[in-house]
């Protein structure tokens, strides 16, 4: 039996289902953005792409932690 997913990645299945894009596509958008600060990216995802705060925050946190 595998360990349950924890942290920001635990949001990924619901993000893909609700917004219809794979996580890799969201991460590509975040990496391609000229914005660099966490909360700037969260605000951008919310205003430009209609994500909720928790989903946007999880995507940005996970993407930025990868380097």
PDB file of N, CA and C in Angstrom:
ATOM      1  N   UNK A   1       0.839  -1.179   0.000  1.00  0.00           N
ATOM      2  CA  UNK A   1       0.000   0.000   0.000  1.00  0.00           C
ATOM      3  C   UNK A   1       0.884   1.243   0.000  1.00  0.00           C
ATOM      4  N   UNK A   2       0.561   2.210  -0.832  1.00  0.00           N
ATOM      5  CA  UNK A   2       1.396   3.407  -0.918  1.00  0.00           C
ATOM      6  C   UNK A   2       0.962   4.445   0.108  1.00  0.00           C
ATOM      7  N   UNK A   3       1.906   5.307   0.422  1.00  0.00           N
ATOM      8  CA  UNK A   3       1.649   6.394   1.370  1.00  0.00           C
ATOM      9  C   UNK A   3       0.685   7.395   0.738  1.00  0.00           C
ATOM     10  N   UNK A   4      -0.217   7.980   1.514  1.00  0.00           N
ATOM     11  CA  UNK A   4      -1.082   9.020   0.949  1.00  0.00           C
ATOM     12  C   UNK A   4      -0.256  10.260   0.592  1.00  0.00           C
ATOM     13  N   UNK A   5      -0.655  10.930  -0.456  1.00  0.00           N
ATOM     14  CA  UNK A   5       0.035  12.147  -0.890  1.00  0.00           C
ATOM     15  C   UNK A   5      -0.258  13.245   0.121  1.00  0.00           C
ATOM     16  N   UNK A   6       0.798  13.956   0.519  1.00  0.00           N
ATOM     17  CA  UNK A   6       0.652  15.040   1.489  1.00  0.00           C
ATOM     18  C   UNK A   6       1.168  16.340   0.899  1.00  0.00           C
ATOM     19  N   UNK A   7       0.886  17.438   1.565  1.00  0.00           N
ATOM     20  CA  UNK A   7       1.380  18.736   1.140  1.00  0.00           C
ATOM     21  C   UNK A   7       0.655  19.249  -0.098  1.00  0.00           C
ATOM     22  N   UNK A   8       1.293  20.183  -0.816  1.00  0.00           N
ATOM     23  CA  UNK A   8       0.651  20.804  -1.977  1.00  0.00           C
ATOM     24  C   UNK A   8       0.184  19.804  -3.029  1.00  0.00           C
ATOM     25  N   UNK A   9       0.929  18.721  -3.208  1.00  0.00           N
ATOM     26  CA  UNK A   9       0.574  17.743  -4.243  1.00  0.00           C
ATOM     27  C   UNK A   9      -0.755  17.058  -3.953  1.00  0.00           C
ATOM     28  N   UNK A  10      -1.224  17.105  -2.711  1.00  0.00           N
ATOM     29  CA  UNK A  10      -2.509  16.483  -2.390  1.00  0.00           C
ATOM     30  C   UNK A  10      -3.672  17.193  -3.102  1.00  0.00           C
ATOM     31  N   UNK A  11      -3.451  18.421  -3.541  1.00  0.00           N
ATOM     32  CA  UNK A  11      -4.470  19.178  -4.270  1.00  0.00           C
ATOM     33  C   UNK A  11      -4.510  18.826  -5.759  1.00  0.00           C
ATOM     34  N   UNK A  12      -3.487  18.188  -6.269  1.00  0.00           N
ATOM     35  CA  UNK A  12      -3.343  18.018  -7.715  1.00  0.00           C
ATOM     36  C   UNK A  12      -4.509  17.304  -8.393  1.00  0.00           C
ATOM     37  N   UNK A  13      -5.021  16.199  -7.853  1.00  0.00           N
ATOM     38  CA  UNK A  13      -6.153  15.558  -8.541  1.00  0.00           C
ATOM     39  C   UNK A  13      -7.366  16.479  -8.682  1.00  0.00           C
ATOM     40  N   UNK A  14      -7.674  17.240  -7.644  1.00  0.00           N
ATOM     41  CA  UNK A  14      -8.834  18.129  -7.727  1.00  0.00           C
ATOM     42  C   UNK A  14      -8.563  19.323  -8.650  1.00  0.00           C
ATOM     43  N   UNK A  15      -7.320  19.781  -8.724  1.00  0.00           N
ATOM     44  CA  UNK A  15      -6.972  20.870  -9.644  1.00  0.00           C
ATOM     45  C   UNK A  15      -7.168  20.401 -11.079  1.00  0.00           C
ATOM     46  N   UNK A  16      -6.654  19.223 -11.395  1.00  0.00           N
ATOM     47  CA  UNK A  16      -6.803  18.698 -12.761  1.00  0.00           C
ATOM     48  C   UNK A  16      -8.268  18.499 -13.114  1.00  0.00           C
ATOM     49  N   UNK A  17      -9.043  17.985 -12.191  1.00  0.00           N
ATOM     50  CA  UNK A  17     -10.463  17.733 -12.447  1.00  0.00           C
ATOM     51  C   UNK A  17     -11.237  19.039 -12.619  1.00  0.00           C
ATOM     52  N   UNK A  18     -10.996  19.996 -11.752  1.00  0.00           N
ATOM     53  CA  UNK A  18     -11.775  21.241 -11.770  1.00  0.00           C
ATOM     54  C   UNK A  18     -11.416  22.147 -12.938  1.00  0.00           C
ATOM     55  N   UNK A  19     -10.123  22.241 -13.285  1.00  0.00           N
ATOM     56  CA  UNK A  19      -9.691  23.209 -14.288  1.00  0.00           C
ATOM     57  C   UNK A  19      -9.326  22.587 -15.630  1.00  0.00           C
ATOM     58  N   UNK A  20      -9.304  21.256 -15.707  1.00  0.00           N
ATOM     59  CA  UNK A  20      -9.141  20.570 -16.979  1.00  0.00           C
ATOM     60  C   UNK A  20      -7.765  20.620 -17.614  1.00  0.00           C
ATOM     61  N   UNK A  21      -6.763  20.940 -16.852  1.00  0.00           N
ATOM     62  CA  UNK A  21      -5.388  20.964 -17.357  1.00  0.00           C
ATOM     63  C   UNK A  21      -4.518  20.078 -16.481  1.00  0.00           C
ATOM     64  N   UNK A  22      -3.554  19.388 -17.088  1.00  0.00           N
ATOM     65  CA  UNK A  22      -2.630  18.595 -16.267  1.00  0.00           C
ATOM     66  C   UNK A  22      -1.711  19.505 -15.442  1.00  0.00           C
ATOM     67  N   UNK A  23      -1.232  18.996 -14.336  1.00  0.00           N
ATOM     68  CA  UNK A  23      -0.364  19.769 -13.441  1.00  0.00           C
ATOM     69  C   UNK A  23       0.880  20.253 -14.171  1.00  0.00           C
ATOM     70  N   UNK A  24       1.435  19.423 -15.035  1.00  0.00           N
ATOM     71  CA  UNK A  24       2.639  19.823 -15.770  1.00  0.00           C
ATOM     72  C   UNK A  24       2.392  21.089 -16.593  1.00  0.00           C
ATOM     73  N   UNK A  25       1.198  21.229 -17.132  1.00  0.00           N
ATOM     74  CA  UNK A  25       0.877  22.435 -17.909  1.00  0.00           C
ATOM     75  C   UNK A  25       0.814  23.666 -17.009  1.00  0.00           C
ATOM     76  N   UNK A  26       0.210  23.523 -15.839  1.00  0.00           N
ATOM     77  CA  UNK A  26       0.184  24.642 -14.884  1.00  0.00           C
ATOM     78  C   UNK A  26       1.602  25.022 -14.460  1.00  0.00           C
ATOM     79  N   UNK A  27       2.431  24.012 -14.224  1.00  0.00           N
ATOM     80  CA  UNK A  27       3.813  24.293 -13.820  1.00  0.00           C
ATOM     81  C   UNK A  27       4.577  24.983 -14.940  1.00  0.00           C
ATOM     82  N   UNK A  28       4.350  24.600 -16.168  1.00  0.00           N
ATOM     83  CA  UNK A  28       4.998  25.273 -17.302  1.00  0.00           C
ATOM     84  C   UNK A  28       4.582  26.741 -17.364  1.00  0.00           C
ATOM     85  N   UNK A  29       3.295  27.011 -17.131  1.00  0.00           N
ATOM     86  CA  UNK A  29       2.817  28.400 -17.128  1.00  0.00           C
ATOM     87  C   UNK A  29       3.494  29.206 -16.023  1.00  0.00           C
ATOM     88  N   UNK A  30       3.603  28.618 -14.849  1.00  0.00           N
ATOM     89  CA  UNK A  30       4.235  29.306 -13.714  1.00  0.00           C
ATOM     90  C   UNK A  30       5.698  29.597 -14.024  1.00  0.00           C
ATOM     91  N   UNK A  31       6.411  28.604 -14.542  1.00  0.00           N
ATOM     92  CA  UNK A  31       7.832  28.790 -14.857  1.00  0.00           C
ATOM     93  C   UNK A  31       8.045  29.804 -15.971  1.00  0.00           C
ATOM     94  N   UNK A  32       7.117  29.896 -16.910  1.00  0.00           N
ATOM     95  CA  UNK A  32       7.251  30.821 -18.042  1.00  0.00           C
ATOM     96  C   UNK A  32       6.858  32.251 -17.674  1.00  0.00           C
ATOM     97  N   UNK A  33       6.188  32.420 -16.551  1.00  0.00           N
ATOM     98  CA  UNK A  33       5.745  33.750 -16.140  1.00  0.00           C
ATOM     99  C   UNK A  33       6.941  34.639 -15.810  1.00  0.00           C
ATOM    100  N   UNK A  34       6.798  35.909 -16.109  1.00  0.00           N
ATOM    101  CA  UNK A  34       7.832  36.881 -15.763  1.00  0.00           C
ATOM    102  C   UNK A  34       7.814  37.193 -14.261  1.00  0.00           C
ATOM    103  N   UNK A  35       6.765  36.758 -13.582  1.00  0.00           N
ATOM    104  CA  UNK A  35       6.649  36.994 -12.144  1.00  0.00           C
ATOM    105  C   UNK A  35       7.530  36.008 -11.397  1.00  0.00           C
ATOM    106  N   UNK A  36       8.036  36.406 -10.254  1.00  0.00           N
ATOM    107  CA  UNK A  36       8.930  35.527  -9.527  1.00  0.00           C
ATOM    108  C   UNK A  36       8.569  35.308  -8.073  1.00  0.00           C
ATOM    109  N   UNK A  37       7.783  36.209  -7.520  1.00  0.00           N
ATOM    110  CA  UNK A  37       7.440  36.098  -6.102  1.00  0.00           C
ATOM    111  C   UNK A  37       6.202  35.221  -5.926  1.00  0.00           C
ATOM    112  N   UNK A  38       6.211  34.472  -4.847  1.00  0.00           N
ATOM    113  CA  UNK A  38       5.146  33.512  -4.581  1.00  0.00           C
ATOM    114  C   UNK A  38       3.750  34.136  -4.692  1.00  0.00           C
ATOM    115  N   UNK A  39       3.503  35.172  -3.933  1.00  0.00           N
ATOM    116  CA  UNK A  39       2.155  35.746  -3.901  1.00  0.00           C
ATOM    117  C   UNK A  39       1.791  36.445  -5.205  1.00  0.00           C
ATOM    118  N   UNK A  40       2.767  36.954  -5.946  1.00  0.00           N
ATOM    119  CA  UNK A  40       2.481  37.513  -7.272  1.00  0.00           C
ATOM    120  C   UNK A  40       1.969  36.418  -8.201  1.00  0.00           C
ATOM    121  N   UNK A  41       2.609  35.272  -8.145  1.00  0.00           N
ATOM    122  CA  UNK A  41       2.187  34.148  -8.981  1.00  0.00           C
ATOM    123  C   UNK A  41       0.810  33.638  -8.566  1.00  0.00           C
ATOM    124  N   UNK A  42       0.552  33.570  -7.280  1.00  0.00           N
ATOM    125  CA  UNK A  42      -0.762  33.141  -6.789  1.00  0.00           C
ATOM    126  C   UNK A  42      -1.839  34.105  -7.298  1.00  0.00           C
ATOM    127  N   UNK A  43      -1.606  35.394  -7.145  1.00  0.00           N
ATOM    128  CA  UNK A  43      -2.577  36.400  -7.599  1.00  0.00           C
ATOM    129  C   UNK A  43      -2.805  36.293  -9.106  1.00  0.00           C
ATOM    130  N   UNK A  44      -1.741  36.068  -9.871  1.00  0.00           N
ATOM    131  CA  UNK A  44      -1.840  35.940 -11.325  1.00  0.00           C
ATOM    132  C   UNK A  44      -2.685  34.728 -11.708  1.00  0.00           C
ATOM    133  N   UNK A  45      -2.444  33.596 -11.064  1.00  0.00           N
ATOM    134  CA  UNK A  45      -3.240  32.405 -11.362  1.00  0.00           C
ATOM    135  C   UNK A  45      -4.710  32.630 -11.028  1.00  0.00           C
ATOM    136  N   UNK A  46      -4.970  33.352  -9.966  1.00  0.00           N
ATOM    137  CA  UNK A  46      -6.349  33.628  -9.564  1.00  0.00           C
ATOM    138  C   UNK A  46      -7.039  34.565 -10.548  1.00  0.00           C
ATOM    139  N   UNK A  47      -6.379  35.647 -10.918  1.00  0.00           N
ATOM    140  CA  UNK A  47      -7.024  36.645 -11.771  1.00  0.00           C
ATOM    141  C   UNK A  47      -7.036  36.255 -13.248  1.00  0.00           C
ATOM    142  N   UNK A  48      -5.942  35.709 -13.737  1.00  0.00           N
ATOM    143  CA  UNK A  48      -5.840  35.398 -15.161  1.00  0.00           C
ATOM    144  C   UNK A  48      -6.395  34.026 -15.542  1.00  0.00           C
ATOM    145  N   UNK A  49      -6.394  33.103 -14.586  1.00  0.00           N
ATOM    146  CA  UNK A  49      -6.789  31.731 -14.911  1.00  0.00           C
ATOM    147  C   UNK A  49      -7.955  31.214 -14.068  1.00  0.00           C
ATOM    148  N   UNK A  50      -8.450  32.030 -13.148  1.00  0.00           N
ATOM    149  CA  UNK A  50      -9.642  31.682 -12.391  1.00  0.00           C
ATOM    150  C   UNK A  50      -9.468  30.611 -11.324  1.00  0.00           C
ATOM    151  N   UNK A  51      -8.242  30.368 -10.893  1.00  0.00           N
ATOM    152  CA  UNK A  51      -8.023  29.372  -9.849  1.00  0.00           C
ATOM    153  C   UNK A  51      -8.419  29.934  -8.488  1.00  0.00           C
ATOM    154  N   UNK A  52      -8.835  29.046  -7.603  1.00  0.00           N
ATOM    155  CA  UNK A  52      -9.076  29.429  -6.224  1.00  0.00           C
ATOM    156  C   UNK A  52      -7.747  29.632  -5.511  1.00  0.00           C
ATOM    157  N   UNK A  53      -7.782  30.305  -4.385  1.00  0.00           N
ATOM    158  CA  UNK A  53      -6.550  30.630  -3.672  1.00  0.00           C
ATOM    159  C   UNK A  53      -5.768  29.379  -3.261  1.00  0.00           C
ATOM    160  N   UNK A  54      -6.439  28.399  -2.682  1.00  0.00           N
ATOM    161  CA  UNK A  54      -5.753  27.197  -2.217  1.00  0.00           C
ATOM    162  C   UNK A  54      -5.093  26.432  -3.351  1.00  0.00           C
ATOM    163  N   UNK A  55      -5.790  26.322  -4.462  1.00  0.00           N
ATOM    164  CA  UNK A  55      -5.229  25.614  -5.617  1.00  0.00           C
ATOM    165  C   UNK A  55      -4.042  26.371  -6.194  1.00  0.00           C
ATOM    166  N   UNK A  56      -4.182  27.680  -6.346  1.00  0.00           N
ATOM    167  CA  UNK A  56      -3.082  28.489  -6.878  1.00  0.00           C
ATOM    168  C   UNK A  56      -1.871  28.415  -5.950  1.00  0.00           C
ATOM    169  N   UNK A  57      -2.107  28.529  -4.668  1.00  0.00           N
ATOM    170  CA  UNK A  57      -1.032  28.482  -3.689  1.00  0.00           C
ATOM    171  C   UNK A  57      -0.304  27.136  -3.733  1.00  0.00           C
ATOM    172  N   UNK A  58      -1.045  26.049  -3.820  1.00  0.00           N
ATOM    173  CA  UNK A  58      -0.444  24.715  -3.864  1.00  0.00           C
ATOM    174  C   UNK A  58       0.421  24.555  -5.107  1.00  0.00           C
ATOM    175  N   UNK A  59      -0.071  24.997  -6.261  1.00  0.00           N
ATOM    176  CA  UNK A  59       0.704  24.893  -7.497  1.00  0.00           C
ATOM    177  C   UNK A  59       1.996  25.697  -7.421  1.00  0.00           C
ATOM    178  N   UNK A  60       1.895  26.922  -6.944  1.00  0.00           N
ATOM    179  CA  UNK A  60       3.078  27.791  -6.876  1.00  0.00           C
ATOM    180  C   UNK A  60       4.084  27.234  -5.873  1.00  0.00           C
ATOM    181  N   UNK A  61       3.609  26.844  -4.711  1.00  0.00           N
ATOM    182  CA  UNK A  61       4.525  26.315  -3.677  1.00  0.00           C
ATOM    183  C   UNK A  61       5.264  25.097  -4.191  1.00  0.00           C
ATOM    184  N   UNK A  62       4.551  24.171  -4.791  1.00  0.00           N
ATOM    185  CA  UNK A  62       5.179  22.950  -5.286  1.00  0.00           C
ATOM    186  C   UNK A  62       6.153  23.248  -6.426  1.00  0.00           C
ATOM    187  N   UNK A  63       5.747  24.117  -7.344  1.00  0.00           N
ATOM    188  CA  UNK A  63       6.590  24.444  -8.506  1.00  0.00           C
ATOM    189  C   UNK A  63       7.851  25.164  -8.071  1.00  0.00           C
ATOM    190  N   UNK A  64       7.743  26.147  -7.187  1.00  0.00           N
ATOM    191  CA  UNK A  64       8.922  26.893  -6.749  1.00  0.00           C
ATOM    192  C   UNK A  64       9.856  26.030  -5.893  1.00  0.00           C
ATOM    193  N   UNK A  65       9.302  25.072  -5.186  1.00  0.00           N
ATOM    194  CA  UNK A  65      10.156  24.216  -4.357  1.00  0.00           C
ATOM    195  C   UNK A  65      10.996  23.254  -5.191  1.00  0.00           C
ATOM    196  N   UNK A  66      10.581  23.020  -6.442  1.00  0.00           N
ATOM    197  CA  UNK A  66      11.337  22.158  -7.333  1.00  0.00           C
ATOM    198  C   UNK A  66      12.579  22.845  -7.886  1.00  0.00           C
ATOM    199  N   UNK A  67      12.586  24.157  -7.797  1.00  0.00           N
ATOM    200  CA  UNK A  67      13.758  24.893  -8.274  1.00  0.00           C
ATOM    201  C   UNK A  67      13.685  25.381  -9.670  1.00  0.00           C
TER     202      UNK A  67
END
